[in-house]
Amino acid sequence: MQMYNISCISKDIRERTSESFGAKTEAKGCVDERKNMRLKVARMEAGLSQAQLAELVGATRQTIGLIEAGRYNPSLKLCIGICKTLGKTLDDLFWNEENARRTT
């Protein structure tokens, strides 16, 4: 069963709907199409390949690659598993300060 980040799905729908009106919206803290270099760096610092990290957290190598590429929004459960495995916090790897500043 694939898990979706509802706030990001909502963000996508709002953006597609508002494009015709010239408006742009952002979901607070939502992973977007930018690469998650913090995750990649933390994984490499831990000496793990994408496949090794995936095995440790119960995901596929493809999922880890998509998260790093900014093309997949992982479930909270998967984010927590990744953070515990890499010894990082959710803020360290997944919080997007730029989006948070725009919405506050």
Foldseek 3Di string as FASTA:
>chain_A
DADADVLVVVQVVVQVVCVVVVDHAFRALFQAQAFQVLLVVLCVVVVHQLQRLCVQQVHHSVQSVCNRRSNGGHDPSSLVSSCVVSVHDCCRGRGDVVRNVVVD
